[in-house]
Amino acid sequence: MDFVKRFEQMLRKKHHALKVQLDEIEGLLDAFERGRKRGAKVSRGRLSAAARKKISLAQKARWARARKVKAAKA
């Protein structure tokens, strides 16, 4: 019987320690989410002129293909 009580106490201590850790993690997550909601800046790299040109040409090619398919169906 003594073993069962000690085992139960050990489990309760472990349970308490895990709850404390979980509370700490939840606190960190809440702080992170509040920072994002307040408008914390997330920097995004700017595209170079060459990259913007490549994107533009690719989009124009997609539009041309779409127009070609549409004309073929008509």
N, C-alpha and C. Protein backbone atom coordinates (compact mmCIF):
# COMPACT_ATOMS: atom_id res chain seq x y z
N MET A 1 0.82 -1.19 0.00
CA MET A 1 0.00 0.00 0.00
C MET A 1 0.86 1.26 0.00
N ASP A 2 1.98 1.19 0.71
CA ASP A 2 2.87 2.33 0.77
C ASP A 2 3.40 2.69 -0.62
N PHE A 3 3.69 1.66 -1.41
CA PHE A 3 4.18 1.87 -2.77
C PHE A 3 3.14 2.62 -3.61
N VAL A 4 1.89 2.28 -3.48
CA VAL A 4 0.82 2.90 -4.25
C VAL A 4 0.71 4.39 -3.89
N LYS A 5 0.81 4.70 -2.61
CA LYS A 5 0.72 6.09 -2.18
C LYS A 5 1.89 6.90 -2.71
N ARG A 6 3.10 6.32 -2.63
CA ARG A 6 4.27 7.03 -3.14
C ARG A 6 4.16 7.23 -4.65
N PHE A 7 3.68 6.21 -5.33
CA PHE A 7 3.51 6.31 -6.78
C PHE A 7 2.50 7.39 -7.12
N GLU A 8 1.40 7.45 -6.36
CA GLU A 8 0.38 8.48 -6.59
C GLU A 8 0.96 9.87 -6.35
N GLN A 9 1.74 10.04 -5.30
CA GLN A 9 2.36 11.33 -5.01
C GLN A 9 3.31 11.74 -6.13
N MET A 10 4.08 10.77 -6.62
CA MET A 10 5.01 11.05 -7.71
C MET A 10 4.24 11.51 -8.96
N LEU A 11 3.15 10.82 -9.24
CA LEU A 11 2.34 11.19 -10.41
C LEU A 11 1.73 12.57 -10.23
N ARG A 12 1.28 12.90 -9.04
CA ARG A 12 0.70 14.21 -8.79
C ARG A 12 1.74 15.32 -8.96
N LYS A 13 2.96 15.07 -8.47
CA LYS A 13 4.05 16.06 -8.63
C LYS A 13 4.36 16.27 -10.11
N LYS A 14 4.44 15.18 -10.84
CA LYS A 14 4.72 15.27 -12.28
C LYS A 14 3.60 16.02 -13.00
N HIS A 15 2.37 15.72 -12.61
CA HIS A 15 1.20 16.38 -13.20
C HIS A 15 1.27 17.88 -12.93
N HIS A 16 1.61 18.25 -11.70
CA HIS A 16 1.70 19.67 -11.35
C HIS A 16 2.81 20.36 -12.17
N ALA A 17 3.96 19.69 -12.27
CA ALA A 17 5.08 20.26 -13.03
C ALA A 17 4.69 20.47 -14.49
N LEU A 18 3.99 19.50 -15.06
CA LEU A 18 3.57 19.62 -16.46
C LEU A 18 2.55 20.74 -16.64
N LYS A 19 1.65 20.90 -15.66
CA LYS A 19 0.67 21.99 -15.74
C LYS A 19 1.37 23.35 -15.70
N VAL A 20 2.40 23.46 -14.86
CA VAL A 20 3.16 24.72 -14.76
C VAL A 20 3.84 25.01 -16.09
N GLN A 21 4.45 24.00 -16.68
CA GLN A 21 5.10 24.19 -17.98
C GLN A 21 4.10 24.58 -19.05
N LEU A 22 2.94 23.94 -19.03
CA LEU A 22 1.91 24.26 -20.02
C LEU A 22 1.43 25.69 -19.85
N ASP A 23 1.25 26.15 -18.62
CA ASP A 23 0.84 27.53 -18.37
C ASP A 23 1.88 28.51 -18.90
N GLU A 24 3.16 28.19 -18.72
CA GLU A 24 4.23 29.05 -19.23
C GLU A 24 4.18 29.14 -20.75
N ILE A 25 4.00 28.00 -21.40
CA ILE A 25 3.94 27.97 -22.86
C ILE A 25 2.72 28.74 -23.36
N GLU A 26 1.58 28.56 -22.71
CA GLU A 26 0.38 29.29 -23.12
C GLU A 26 0.58 30.79 -22.94
N GLY A 27 1.25 31.19 -21.88
CA GLY A 27 1.54 32.61 -21.66
C GLY A 27 2.41 33.17 -22.77
N LEU A 28 3.42 32.41 -23.19
CA LEU A 28 4.29 32.85 -24.28
C LEU A 28 3.51 32.97 -25.59
N LEU A 29 2.64 32.00 -25.85
CA LEU A 29 1.83 32.04 -27.07
C LEU A 29 0.89 33.24 -27.06
N ASP A 30 0.27 33.51 -25.91
CA ASP A 30 -0.62 34.66 -25.80
C ASP A 30 0.14 35.96 -26.05
N ALA A 31 1.33 36.07 -25.48
CA ALA A 31 2.14 37.27 -25.67
C ALA A 31 2.50 37.43 -27.14
N PHE A 32 2.84 36.34 -27.78
CA PHE A 32 3.19 36.39 -29.20
C PHE A 32 2.00 36.84 -30.04
N GLU A 33 0.83 36.28 -29.75
CA GLU A 33 -0.37 36.64 -30.50
C GLU A 33 -0.76 38.10 -30.26
N ARG A 34 -0.61 38.58 -29.03
CA ARG A 34 -0.92 39.99 -28.76
C ARG A 34 0.02 40.89 -29.54
N GLY A 35 1.29 40.51 -29.62
CA GLY A 35 2.25 41.30 -30.37
C GLY A 35 1.88 41.37 -31.84
N ARG A 36 1.43 40.27 -32.41
CA ARG A 36 1.03 40.25 -33.82
C ARG A 36 -0.21 41.11 -34.03
N LYS A 37 -1.15 41.08 -33.07
CA LYS A 37 -2.38 41.83 -33.22
C LYS A 37 -2.13 43.34 -33.07
N ARG A 38 -1.13 43.70 -32.28
CA ARG A 38 -0.83 45.12 -32.08
C ARG A 38 -0.18 45.71 -33.31
N GLY A 39 0.17 44.89 -34.23
CA GLY A 39 0.77 45.40 -35.46
C GLY A 39 2.28 45.29 -35.45
N ALA A 40 2.80 44.29 -34.79
CA ALA A 40 4.24 44.08 -34.83
C ALA A 40 4.63 43.89 -36.29
N LYS A 41 5.66 44.58 -36.69
CA LYS A 41 6.02 44.57 -38.10
C LYS A 41 6.69 43.26 -38.47
N VAL A 42 6.22 42.70 -39.55
CA VAL A 42 6.83 41.51 -40.12
C VAL A 42 7.44 41.98 -41.43
N SER A 43 8.75 42.04 -41.46
CA SER A 43 9.38 42.60 -42.65
C SER A 43 9.39 41.58 -43.77
N ARG A 44 9.04 42.04 -44.93
CA ARG A 44 9.13 41.22 -46.12
C ARG A 44 10.14 41.87 -47.03
N GLY A 45 10.95 41.06 -47.64
CA GLY A 45 11.97 41.59 -48.53
C GLY A 45 11.35 42.25 -49.75
N ARG A 46 11.99 43.27 -50.21
CA ARG A 46 11.50 43.93 -51.42
C ARG A 46 12.02 43.20 -52.63
N LEU A 47 11.21 43.16 -53.66
CA LEU A 47 11.61 42.49 -54.89
C LEU A 47 12.45 43.44 -55.73
N SER A 48 13.43 42.88 -56.38
CA SER A 48 14.25 43.68 -57.27
C SER A 48 13.44 43.98 -58.54
N ALA A 49 13.93 44.95 -59.29
CA ALA A 49 13.25 45.31 -60.53
C ALA A 49 13.23 44.11 -61.49
N ALA A 50 14.29 43.36 -61.51
CA ALA A 50 14.36 42.19 -62.40
C ALA A 50 13.33 41.14 -61.99
N ALA A 51 13.17 40.94 -60.69
CA ALA A 51 12.18 39.96 -60.23
C ALA A 51 10.78 40.42 -60.57
N ARG A 52 10.50 41.71 -60.37
CA ARG A 52 9.17 42.23 -60.72
C ARG A 52 8.91 42.07 -62.21
N LYS A 53 9.92 42.28 -63.03
CA LYS A 53 9.76 42.14 -64.48
C LYS A 53 9.46 40.69 -64.84
N LYS A 54 10.16 39.74 -64.23
CA LYS A 54 9.91 38.32 -64.49
C LYS A 54 8.48 37.94 -64.12
N ILE A 55 8.03 38.43 -62.97
CA ILE A 55 6.66 38.15 -62.53
C ILE A 55 5.66 38.74 -63.51
N SER A 56 5.93 39.97 -63.94
CA SER A 56 5.04 40.64 -64.90
C SER A 56 4.96 39.87 -66.21
N LEU A 57 6.10 39.44 -66.72
CA LEU A 57 6.11 38.69 -67.98
C LEU A 57 5.40 37.35 -67.84
N ALA A 58 5.58 36.70 -66.72
CA ALA A 58 4.91 35.42 -66.49
C ALA A 58 3.39 35.62 -66.44
N GLN A 59 2.94 36.69 -65.76
CA GLN A 59 1.50 36.95 -65.68
C GLN A 59 0.94 37.28 -67.06
N LYS A 60 1.66 38.07 -67.84
CA LYS A 60 1.20 38.41 -69.18
C LYS A 60 1.10 37.16 -70.05
N ALA A 61 2.04 36.22 -69.86
CA ALA A 61 1.99 34.97 -70.62
C ALA A 61 0.76 34.16 -70.20
N ARG A 62 0.43 34.15 -68.91
CA ARG A 62 -0.77 33.43 -68.45
C ARG A 62 -2.02 34.05 -69.05
N TRP A 63 -2.07 35.38 -69.08
CA TRP A 63 -3.24 36.06 -69.67
C TRP A 63 -3.36 35.73 -71.15
N ALA A 64 -2.21 35.72 -71.85
CA ALA A 64 -2.22 35.42 -73.29
C ALA A 64 -2.73 34.00 -73.53
N ARG A 65 -2.29 33.04 -72.71
CA ARG A 65 -2.78 31.66 -72.85
C ARG A 65 -4.28 31.60 -72.60
N ALA A 66 -4.74 32.33 -71.59
CA ALA A 66 -6.17 32.32 -71.27
C ALA A 66 -6.98 32.91 -72.43
N ARG A 67 -6.49 33.99 -73.02
CA ARG A 67 -7.19 34.59 -74.16
C ARG A 67 -7.19 33.64 -75.35
N LYS A 68 -6.07 32.93 -75.54
CA LYS A 68 -5.97 31.99 -76.66
C LYS A 68 -6.98 30.85 -76.50
N VAL A 69 -7.09 30.32 -75.29
CA VAL A 69 -8.04 29.23 -75.01
C VAL A 69 -9.46 29.74 -75.20
N LYS A 70 -9.72 30.94 -74.70
CA LYS A 70 -11.07 31.51 -74.81
C LYS A 70 -11.45 31.73 -76.28
N ALA A 71 -10.48 32.20 -77.10
CA ALA A 71 -10.75 32.44 -78.52
C ALA A 71 -10.97 31.12 -79.25
N ALA A 72 -10.26 30.07 -78.85
CA ALA A 72 -10.40 28.78 -79.51
C ALA A 72 -11.77 28.17 -79.22
N LYS A 73 -12.32 28.42 -78.04
CA LYS A 73 -13.63 27.88 -77.69
C LYS A 73 -14.76 28.63 -78.41
N ALA A 74 -14.54 29.88 -78.71
CA ALA A 74 -15.60 30.70 -79.32
C ALA A 74 -15.79 30.45 -80.77
